[in-house]
Protein backbone atom coordinates (compact mmCIF):
# COMPACT_ATOMS: atom_id res chain seq x y z
CA MET A 1 -4.31 270.27 172.03
CA LYS A 2 -8.01 270.77 172.65
CA THR A 3 -10.30 268.68 170.47
CA ASN A 4 -14.01 268.50 169.69
CA LEU A 5 -14.41 265.57 167.31
CA ALA A 6 -17.48 265.37 165.07
CA GLY A 7 -20.15 262.75 165.59
CA PHE A 8 -19.15 260.64 162.57
CA ILE A 9 -15.79 259.76 164.17
CA LYS A 10 -16.03 260.64 167.87
CA ASN A 11 -17.09 257.28 169.31
CA THR A 12 -15.32 255.01 166.85
CA PRO A 13 -12.05 253.18 167.63
CA GLU A 14 -10.26 255.36 165.06
CA GLY A 15 -11.76 258.49 166.60
CA ARG A 16 -10.66 257.59 170.10
CA GLU A 17 -7.17 256.81 168.89
CA ALA A 18 -6.93 260.01 166.87
CA ASP A 19 -8.25 262.07 169.79
CA SER A 20 -5.59 260.63 172.09
CA ILE A 21 -2.84 261.39 169.56
CA LEU A 22 -4.06 264.93 168.91
CA ARG A 23 -4.26 265.74 172.61
CA ALA A 24 -0.61 264.71 173.05
CA CYS A 25 0.57 267.45 170.67
CA VAL A 26 1.80 270.64 172.42
CA HIS A 27 2.42 272.71 169.23
CA CYS A 28 6.15 272.97 170.00
CA GLY A 29 7.23 272.69 166.36
CA PHE A 30 10.34 270.59 167.02
CA CYS A 31 9.02 268.24 164.33
CA THR A 32 9.39 270.85 161.58
CA ALA A 33 13.17 270.87 162.06
CA THR A 34 13.45 267.24 160.94
CA CYS A 35 10.63 267.09 158.36
CA PRO A 36 12.05 266.61 154.83
CA THR A 37 9.09 268.15 153.02
CA TYR A 38 8.97 271.20 155.29
CA GLN A 39 12.67 271.76 154.66
CA LEU A 40 12.10 271.63 150.91
CA LEU A 41 8.86 273.61 150.68
CA GLY A 42 8.88 275.86 153.76
CA ASP A 43 5.11 275.57 154.10
CA GLU A 44 3.69 274.94 157.57
CA LEU A 45 1.03 272.71 156.03
CA ASP A 46 3.80 270.54 154.54
CA GLY A 47 5.21 269.83 157.99
CA PRO A 48 3.89 267.53 160.74
CA ARG A 49 2.41 270.30 162.89
CA GLY A 50 0.47 271.76 159.98
CA ARG A 51 -0.77 268.36 158.85
CA ILE A 52 -1.89 267.62 162.41
CA TYR A 53 -4.01 270.78 162.30
CA LEU A 54 -5.48 269.74 158.95
CA ILE A 55 -6.40 266.32 160.34
CA LYS A 56 -7.84 267.91 163.48
CA GLU A 57 -10.10 270.15 161.37
CA LEU A 58 -11.14 267.15 159.27
CA LEU A 59 -12.08 265.14 162.37
CA GLU A 60 -13.95 268.09 163.83
CA GLY A 61 -16.22 268.22 160.78
CA CYS A 62 -14.67 271.03 158.74
CA THR A 63 -14.84 270.96 154.95
CA VAL A 64 -12.29 268.67 153.33
CA THR A 65 -10.75 269.79 150.04
CA ALA A 66 -8.23 268.62 147.48
CA LYS A 67 -5.75 270.98 149.16
CA THR A 68 -5.98 268.97 152.36
CA GLN A 69 -5.39 265.83 150.34
CA LEU A 70 -2.38 267.36 148.58
CA HIS A 71 -0.60 268.23 151.83
CA LEU A 72 -1.26 264.77 153.27
CA ASP A 73 -0.10 263.13 150.02
CA ARG A 74 3.17 265.03 150.20
CA CYS A 75 3.98 263.45 153.56
CA LEU A 76 6.60 260.71 153.20
CA THR A 77 5.46 259.00 156.42
CA CYS A 78 9.17 258.84 157.24
CA ARG A 79 8.31 259.38 160.94
CA ALA A 80 11.38 261.49 161.61
CA CYS A 81 8.97 263.76 163.46
CA GLU A 82 8.18 260.94 165.89
CA THR A 83 11.86 260.54 166.72
CA THR A 84 12.11 264.28 167.40
CA CYS A 85 8.81 264.80 169.23
CA PRO A 86 9.29 265.33 173.00
CA SER A 87 5.62 264.49 173.63
CA GLY A 88 5.56 261.10 171.91
CA VAL A 89 2.95 262.05 169.30
CA GLN A 90 2.23 258.99 167.12
CA TYR A 91 2.03 260.99 163.93
CA GLY A 92 2.26 257.98 161.61
CA ARG A 93 -0.95 256.46 162.97
CA LEU A 94 -2.72 259.83 162.87
CA VAL A 95 -1.85 260.50 159.23
CA ASP A 96 -3.04 257.00 158.26
CA ILE A 97 -6.42 257.72 159.86
CA GLY A 98 -6.64 261.15 158.23
CA ARG A 99 -5.65 259.97 154.76
CA ASN A 100 -8.20 257.17 154.81
CA ILE A 101 -11.05 259.58 155.55
CA VAL A 102 -9.86 262.18 153.04
CA GLU A 103 -9.61 259.52 150.33
CA LYS A 104 -13.29 258.66 150.82
CA ARG A 105 -14.43 262.28 151.01
CA VAL A 106 -12.45 263.94 148.20
CA GLY A 107 -11.76 261.23 145.62
CA ARG A 108 -9.19 261.57 142.84
CA PRO A 109 -9.03 262.19 139.08
CA PHE A 110 -9.42 259.05 136.98
CA SER A 111 -5.76 259.09 135.90
CA GLU A 112 -4.64 259.11 139.53
CA LEU A 113 -7.04 256.33 140.44
CA LEU A 114 -5.71 254.25 137.55
CA LYS A 115 -2.08 254.82 138.57
CA ARG A 116 -2.76 253.84 142.18
CA ALA A 117 -4.78 250.81 141.14
CA ALA A 118 -1.88 249.67 138.95
CA LEU A 119 0.56 250.05 141.84
CA ARG A 120 -1.71 248.05 144.14
CA ALA A 121 -2.06 245.33 141.51
CA VAL A 122 1.59 245.02 140.47
CA ILE A 123 3.85 245.69 143.46
CA PRO A 124 2.30 243.23 145.96
CA ASN A 125 2.25 240.48 143.30
CA PRO A 126 5.75 238.93 143.02
CA ALA A 127 4.92 236.88 139.92
CA LEU A 128 3.46 239.82 137.98
CA PHE A 129 6.14 242.24 139.19
CA GLY A 130 8.85 239.73 138.29
CA LEU A 131 7.47 239.29 134.77
CA LEU A 132 7.25 243.04 134.15
CA PHE A 133 10.72 243.53 135.64
CA ARG A 134 12.25 240.96 133.29
CA ILE A 135 10.55 242.66 130.33
CA GLY A 136 11.94 245.99 131.53
CA GLN A 137 15.44 244.53 131.80
CA PHE A 138 15.20 243.11 128.27
CA PHE A 139 14.30 246.52 126.84
CA ARG A 140 16.55 248.47 129.23
CA PRO A 141 19.15 249.42 126.57
CA LEU A 142 16.39 251.12 124.57
CA LEU A 143 14.90 253.11 127.43
CA PRO A 144 15.53 256.86 127.92
CA GLY A 145 18.02 257.76 130.65
CA ALA A 146 15.60 258.64 133.46
CA LEU A 147 13.54 255.48 132.95
CA LYS A 148 16.63 253.31 132.42
CA ARG A 149 17.92 254.30 135.86
CA LYS A 150 14.67 253.04 137.35
CA VAL A 151 15.25 249.54 135.95
CA PRO A 152 18.28 248.01 137.72
CA LYS A 153 20.61 245.69 135.90
CA ALA A 154 20.46 242.01 136.81
CA ALA A 155 22.16 241.94 140.20
CA ALA A 156 22.09 238.34 141.45
CA ARG A 157 25.51 237.41 142.78
CA ASP A 158 24.97 234.41 145.04
CA THR A 159 21.56 232.87 145.68
CA VAL A 160 22.81 229.65 147.31
CA TRP A 161 20.58 228.91 150.30
CA PRO A 162 21.95 226.50 152.94
CA GLU A 163 19.82 223.52 153.87
CA PRO A 164 18.18 223.68 157.33
CA ARG A 165 20.53 221.91 159.74
CA HIS A 166 20.29 223.70 163.05
CA ALA A 167 17.98 223.25 166.03
CA ARG A 168 17.39 227.02 166.07
CA ARG A 169 15.14 228.13 163.24
CA MET A 170 13.73 231.46 162.09
CA LEU A 171 11.34 232.57 159.36
CA VAL A 172 12.04 235.21 156.73
CA LEU A 173 9.61 237.29 154.69
CA ASP A 174 10.64 236.93 151.05
CA GLY A 175 8.95 240.20 150.07
CA CYS A 176 7.21 241.44 146.93
CA VAL A 177 9.85 243.10 144.79
CA GLN A 178 13.03 242.01 146.52
CA PRO A 179 13.11 238.49 144.97
CA SER A 180 13.28 240.12 141.54
CA LEU A 181 15.34 243.22 142.26
CA ALA A 182 17.90 241.68 144.63
CA PRO A 183 17.39 237.94 145.11
CA ASP A 184 20.72 237.55 146.86
CA ILE A 185 19.74 239.59 149.95
CA ASN A 186 17.74 236.85 151.64
CA SER A 187 20.17 234.12 150.59
CA ALA A 188 23.02 236.18 152.08
CA THR A 189 20.94 236.43 155.26
CA ALA A 190 20.42 232.67 155.30
CA ARG A 191 24.16 232.04 154.89
CA ALA A 192 25.13 234.54 157.59
CA LEU A 193 22.67 233.06 160.08
CA ASP A 194 23.75 229.52 159.15
CA ARG A 195 27.28 230.38 160.22
CA LEU A 196 25.87 231.61 163.54
CA GLY A 197 23.95 228.38 164.17
CA ILE A 198 20.52 229.44 162.94
CA SER A 199 18.59 228.00 159.98
CA LEU A 200 16.46 230.46 158.01
CA MET A 201 13.26 229.24 156.37
CA LYS A 202 10.67 230.66 153.99
CA ALA A 203 6.94 230.16 154.40
CA GLU A 204 6.06 229.76 150.74
CA ALA A 205 2.45 230.93 151.21
CA ALA A 206 3.53 234.25 152.77
CA GLY A 207 3.26 237.26 150.48
CA CYS A 208 3.15 241.04 150.63
CA CYS A 209 3.36 242.56 154.11
CA GLY A 210 0.46 244.86 153.19
CA ALA A 211 2.35 248.16 153.40
CA VAL A 212 1.86 249.28 149.79
CA THR A 213 -1.88 248.68 149.84
CA PHE A 214 -2.27 250.16 153.32
CA HIS A 215 -0.45 253.38 152.50
CA LEU A 216 -2.39 253.72 149.25
CA ASN A 217 -5.52 253.99 151.43
CA ARG A 218 -6.99 250.56 150.85
CA GLN A 219 -6.55 249.67 154.48
CA GLU A 220 -9.18 246.93 154.69
CA ASN A 221 -7.60 245.16 151.71
CA ALA A 222 -4.22 245.44 153.40
CA LEU A 223 -5.57 243.60 156.43
CA ASP A 224 -6.25 240.61 154.16
CA TYR A 225 -2.55 240.47 153.23
CA MET A 226 -1.73 240.53 156.93
CA ARG A 227 -4.12 237.70 157.74
CA ALA A 228 -2.71 235.60 154.89
CA ASN A 229 0.83 236.05 156.22
CA ILE A 230 -0.22 235.13 159.73
CA ASP A 231 -1.86 231.95 158.39
CA ALA A 232 1.33 231.10 156.46
CA TRP A 233 3.64 231.70 159.42
CA TRP A 234 1.55 230.26 162.22
CA PRO A 235 2.33 226.54 161.72
CA HIS A 236 6.05 227.37 161.78
CA ILE A 237 5.61 229.47 164.92
CA GLU A 238 3.81 226.60 166.61
CA ALA A 239 6.64 224.29 165.50
CA GLY A 240 9.20 226.44 167.30
CA ALA A 241 10.40 229.15 164.91
CA GLU A 242 11.77 231.77 167.27
CA ALA A 243 11.53 234.89 165.11
CA VAL A 244 10.16 236.37 161.90
CA VAL A 245 13.18 238.02 160.28
CA MET A 246 12.85 241.13 158.10
CA THR A 247 15.56 242.03 155.59
CA ALA A 248 13.57 245.06 154.37
CA SER A 249 13.06 247.49 157.22
CA GLY A 250 9.99 248.95 155.50
CA CYS A 251 8.27 245.57 155.73
CA GLY A 252 9.47 245.19 159.30
CA THR A 253 7.80 248.43 160.31
CA MET A 254 4.52 247.22 158.83
CA VAL A 255 4.63 243.72 160.37
CA LYS A 256 5.42 245.26 163.75
CA GLU A 257 2.02 246.99 163.42
CA TYR A 258 0.04 243.77 162.82
CA GLY A 259 -0.88 243.44 166.48
CA HIS A 260 -2.26 246.96 166.59
CA LEU A 261 -4.03 246.90 163.24
CA LEU A 262 -5.74 243.55 163.87
CA ALA A 263 -6.44 244.13 167.54
CA ARG A 264 -10.20 244.28 166.90
CA ASP A 265 -10.29 241.08 164.83
CA PRO A 266 -11.27 238.30 167.28
CA ALA A 267 -9.95 235.58 164.98
CA TYR A 268 -6.52 237.16 164.50
CA ALA A 269 -5.86 239.59 167.36
CA GLU A 270 -3.88 237.19 169.54
CA LYS A 271 -1.93 235.69 166.65
CA ALA A 272 -1.18 239.13 165.19
CA LYS A 273 0.22 240.35 168.49
CA ARG A 274 2.38 237.24 168.71
CA ILE A 275 3.71 237.80 165.18
CA SER A 276 4.51 241.44 165.94
CA ASP A 277 6.31 240.44 169.12
CA LEU A 278 8.41 237.90 167.19
CA THR A 279 9.29 240.22 164.31
CA ARG A 280 12.95 241.21 164.20
CA ASP A 281 14.98 243.25 161.75
CA ILE A 282 18.00 241.25 160.63
CA SER A 283 20.28 243.77 162.35
CA GLU A 284 18.65 242.93 165.70
CA VAL A 285 19.08 239.22 165.10
CA ILE A 286 22.75 239.43 164.12
CA TYR A 287 23.55 241.91 166.89
CA ALA A 288 21.99 239.58 169.49
CA GLU A 289 24.40 236.88 168.29
CA ARG A 290 27.45 239.12 168.49
CA GLY A 291 29.27 236.74 170.79
CA GLU A 292 29.10 234.00 168.18
CA LEU A 293 29.85 236.55 165.45
CA GLU A 294 33.07 237.54 167.21
CA LYS A 295 34.17 233.90 167.14
CA VAL A 296 33.46 233.58 163.42
CA LEU A 297 35.12 236.90 162.58
CA GLY A 298 38.01 236.19 164.90
CA SER A 299 37.84 239.71 166.32
CA PRO A 300 35.77 241.50 168.98
CA LEU A 301 33.02 243.98 168.20
CA ALA A 302 35.05 247.09 168.94
CA PRO A 303 33.53 250.58 169.37
CA ARG A 304 33.16 252.53 166.17
CA PRO A 305 36.09 254.91 165.56
CA SER A 306 35.49 258.51 164.64
CA PRO A 307 34.75 258.84 160.89
CA LEU A 308 37.36 261.62 160.85
CA ALA A 309 40.10 259.38 162.23
CA PRO A 310 42.60 257.94 159.74
CA SER A 311 42.52 254.17 159.32
CA ALA A 312 44.36 251.36 157.62
CA ALA A 313 43.28 250.37 154.14
CA LYS A 314 39.70 249.26 154.78
CA PRO A 315 36.76 249.34 152.36
CA ARG A 316 35.08 252.73 152.85
CA VAL A 317 31.30 252.46 153.12
CA ALA A 318 28.61 255.11 153.55
CA PHE A 319 25.60 253.62 155.34
CA HIS A 320 22.13 255.02 154.67
CA SER A 321 19.87 254.18 157.59
CA PRO A 322 16.34 253.94 156.14
CA CYS A 323 13.60 255.94 157.84
CA SER A 324 11.79 252.69 158.53
CA LEU A 325 14.84 251.44 160.43
CA GLN A 326 15.82 254.49 162.48
CA HIS A 327 12.41 256.11 162.92
CA GLY A 328 9.86 253.34 162.35
CA LEU A 329 11.67 250.52 164.19
CA GLN A 330 13.78 252.90 166.31
CA ILE A 331 16.95 250.89 165.58
CA ARG A 332 20.12 252.96 165.46
CA GLY A 333 23.79 252.07 165.52
CA LYS A 334 23.51 248.29 165.27
CA VAL A 335 24.26 248.01 161.55
CA GLU A 336 27.09 250.50 161.86
CA ASP A 337 28.68 248.50 164.69
CA LEU A 338 28.36 245.25 162.76
CA LEU A 339 29.91 246.68 159.61
CA THR A 340 32.77 248.17 161.61
CA ALA A 341 33.38 244.81 163.29
CA ALA A 342 33.41 243.19 159.86
CA GLY A 343 36.31 245.39 158.81
CA PHE A 344 34.62 248.25 156.97
CA GLU A 345 35.37 251.91 157.51
CA LEU A 346 32.17 253.96 157.77
CA THR A 347 32.27 257.46 156.34
CA SER A 348 30.39 260.40 157.84
CA VAL A 349 26.93 261.10 156.36
CA PRO A 350 25.52 264.60 156.99
CA ASP A 351 21.81 264.85 157.83
CA SER A 352 21.61 261.08 158.14
CA HIS A 353 18.15 261.38 159.71
CA LEU A 354 16.60 262.63 156.45
CA CYS A 355 14.65 260.50 153.97
CA CYS A 356 16.10 259.50 150.59
CA GLY A 357 12.74 260.06 148.90
CA SER A 358 11.85 256.44 148.16
CA ALA A 359 9.12 255.94 150.79
CA GLY A 360 7.27 253.07 149.13
CA THR A 361 5.38 254.45 146.13
CA TYR A 362 6.28 258.07 146.93
CA SER A 363 9.04 258.15 144.30
CA ILE A 364 6.38 257.38 141.68
CA LEU A 365 3.49 259.48 142.96
CA GLN A 366 5.50 262.51 144.12
CA ARG A 367 8.38 262.33 141.68
CA GLU A 368 9.54 265.95 141.81
CA LEU A 369 9.90 266.05 145.59
CA SER A 370 11.36 262.56 145.61
CA GLN A 371 14.08 263.51 143.13
CA LYS A 372 15.09 266.54 145.19
CA LEU A 373 15.39 264.39 148.29
CA LEU A 374 17.35 261.79 146.33
CA LYS A 375 19.84 264.36 145.07
CA ASN A 376 20.39 265.69 148.60
CA LYS A 377 20.79 262.18 149.99
CA VAL A 378 23.27 261.07 147.32
CA ASN A 379 25.33 264.23 147.87
CA ALA A 380 25.42 263.51 151.60
CA LEU A 381 26.35 259.85 151.13
CA GLU A 382 29.08 260.61 148.61
CA SER A 383 30.55 263.49 150.62
CA GLY A 384 32.87 261.18 152.55
CA THR A 385 34.27 259.63 149.33
CA PRO A 386 33.16 256.05 150.03
CA ALA A 387 33.87 253.17 147.67
CA LEU A 388 30.30 251.92 147.96
CA LEU A 389 26.99 252.63 149.67
CA ALA A 390 24.97 250.33 151.91
CA THR A 391 21.43 250.38 153.25
CA ALA A 392 18.83 248.12 154.88
CA ASN A 393 15.72 248.42 152.72
CA ILE A 394 15.13 247.37 149.12
CA GLY A 395 13.17 250.51 148.24
CA CYS A 396 15.99 252.77 149.43
CA LEU A 397 18.55 250.57 147.69
CA THR A 398 17.00 250.80 144.24
CA HIS A 399 16.06 254.47 144.62
CA ILE A 400 19.55 255.54 145.69
CA GLN A 401 21.14 253.37 142.99
CA SER A 402 19.18 255.35 140.39
CA GLY A 403 20.96 258.51 141.52
CA THR A 404 24.58 257.41 141.90
CA ALA A 405 27.30 255.65 139.94
CA LEU A 406 28.60 253.98 143.12
CA PRO A 407 27.43 250.44 143.86
CA VAL A 408 24.63 250.23 146.45
CA ARG A 409 24.32 247.03 148.49
CA HIS A 410 22.29 245.68 151.37
CA TRP A 411 24.58 245.63 154.39
CA ILE A 412 23.90 241.94 155.07
CA GLU A 413 25.52 241.12 151.70
CA LEU A 414 28.71 242.85 152.85
CA LEU A 415 28.70 240.92 156.11
CA ASP A 416 28.06 237.65 154.28
CA GLU A 417 31.04 238.25 151.98
CA ARG A 418 33.23 239.05 154.98
CA LEU A 419 32.13 235.84 156.72
CA LYS A 420 32.96 233.80 153.62
CA ASN A 421 36.56 234.97 153.94
C-alpha cells in the first residue's frame, strides 16, 4: 500500500510504526472472511481492509468524522484478521493508533464520555468493582431479565490456596474483575501447579493490566497501570520467579505488549521487555509440564480423537477459545489436548475462530452487535450437545454465561477437579 503520511504524524514513532503496517497490506481481502463485524453488517468499512483505508486517510490528513469513529468503534479488536492475513499486517496496533487520534479529533457526546469514564473508574478498581458487584448480587432477584443475566450468581466453589512449598515459583496476575466474578479460577490454578511442583504467588501491589483503559483510548493512563505492575512484580522476578502466569487470556495479550508499549520509556523499557518475555498463559505453563501431568493423571497425553467418533461415557465439553488466546497470543490446541488428557470429550464447535462478542467493554458499548455475536456463539457451542462449556478468559466466561443455561467454567477449574480425583 502506498502511503503519504501528513506532517503531524509522519516523523513520530507512532507514524513510523503505522506507515510500516500500512505498507504491509496488499488489499487481498482475506481478512474480511474472518471478521465478525463484516459478516454481520456486510459493510466494507466494518471490516479490517476498510478500516485500514479509513486509518490511512486519517494519517494522510483527510477530514476525520464521527462516521470514521463509528466504524473504528465497531471493531472488536479480536485480531482474527491477523491470524488470516498472509502478509502479517499488525492490524491491532494500527487500530490502536488510529482510534487514539480519532478520539482527540472528533470527541464524543457527554453521555458517551460519562459512560466511558465510569468504565475506566470501576472496572480496573477491584475494591470498587467488588462492592458494586456484591450490591448487584443482593438486588439480583429484583432485576429485569436482561440485566439479571449480566450479574452472575455467587460462584465460588473452592478458594483454598496452597502454601508456597516448592523451589520453583511463579507469579499470577489476580486481575480486576476475576476476584469478584470467579475467585476460584486462580486458586484452582495454584492447586494444579502445586501438584506439578510449582508454587504460585500473588504480588499484592499488582493491579489492572491496563487493557480496559488502553482500549478506551486513554493510552497514557494505561501505561501507568503497566508501570505499577512492573514495580510490583520486579522484586519477585529478581528473587527467581520464573514466569508471570495469566489465567485471563485477555490480560495475557496486554501484558505481552508491555515491552513494545514501554519501549521508549528509559526507566521501564528493559524491565517491560523482561516481563513480556516471562509472561505465560496458564495453558502454556501446564502444557510445558505435561510429563509431570501424565504422572499425576496416570495416563499419557494422547492425541485428540475426532469429535465425531463415539466415546465411552466421558463429560462432554464445548471449549470456546477466546480471541485473545487463539489470535492475540496465537495459542491453539493446548487447552483442548489438556482437557482430552484429563478425561473430557470435546464436542465440535463450528466457526470456532469467531468472537463471542465480549471483547472487554464491547458488550456494554456496542450491545446490539455484541448480542448477535453472543447468540451465534452460544448456538455453535451448544450444537454438539455438551454438558458444560469451558473457556480461558473471564470476560468470555461471564458473557457466554449470560446467554446459555449450561454451566460455563474456566478450563483450569475442570483440570483441577480432575487432579483432585
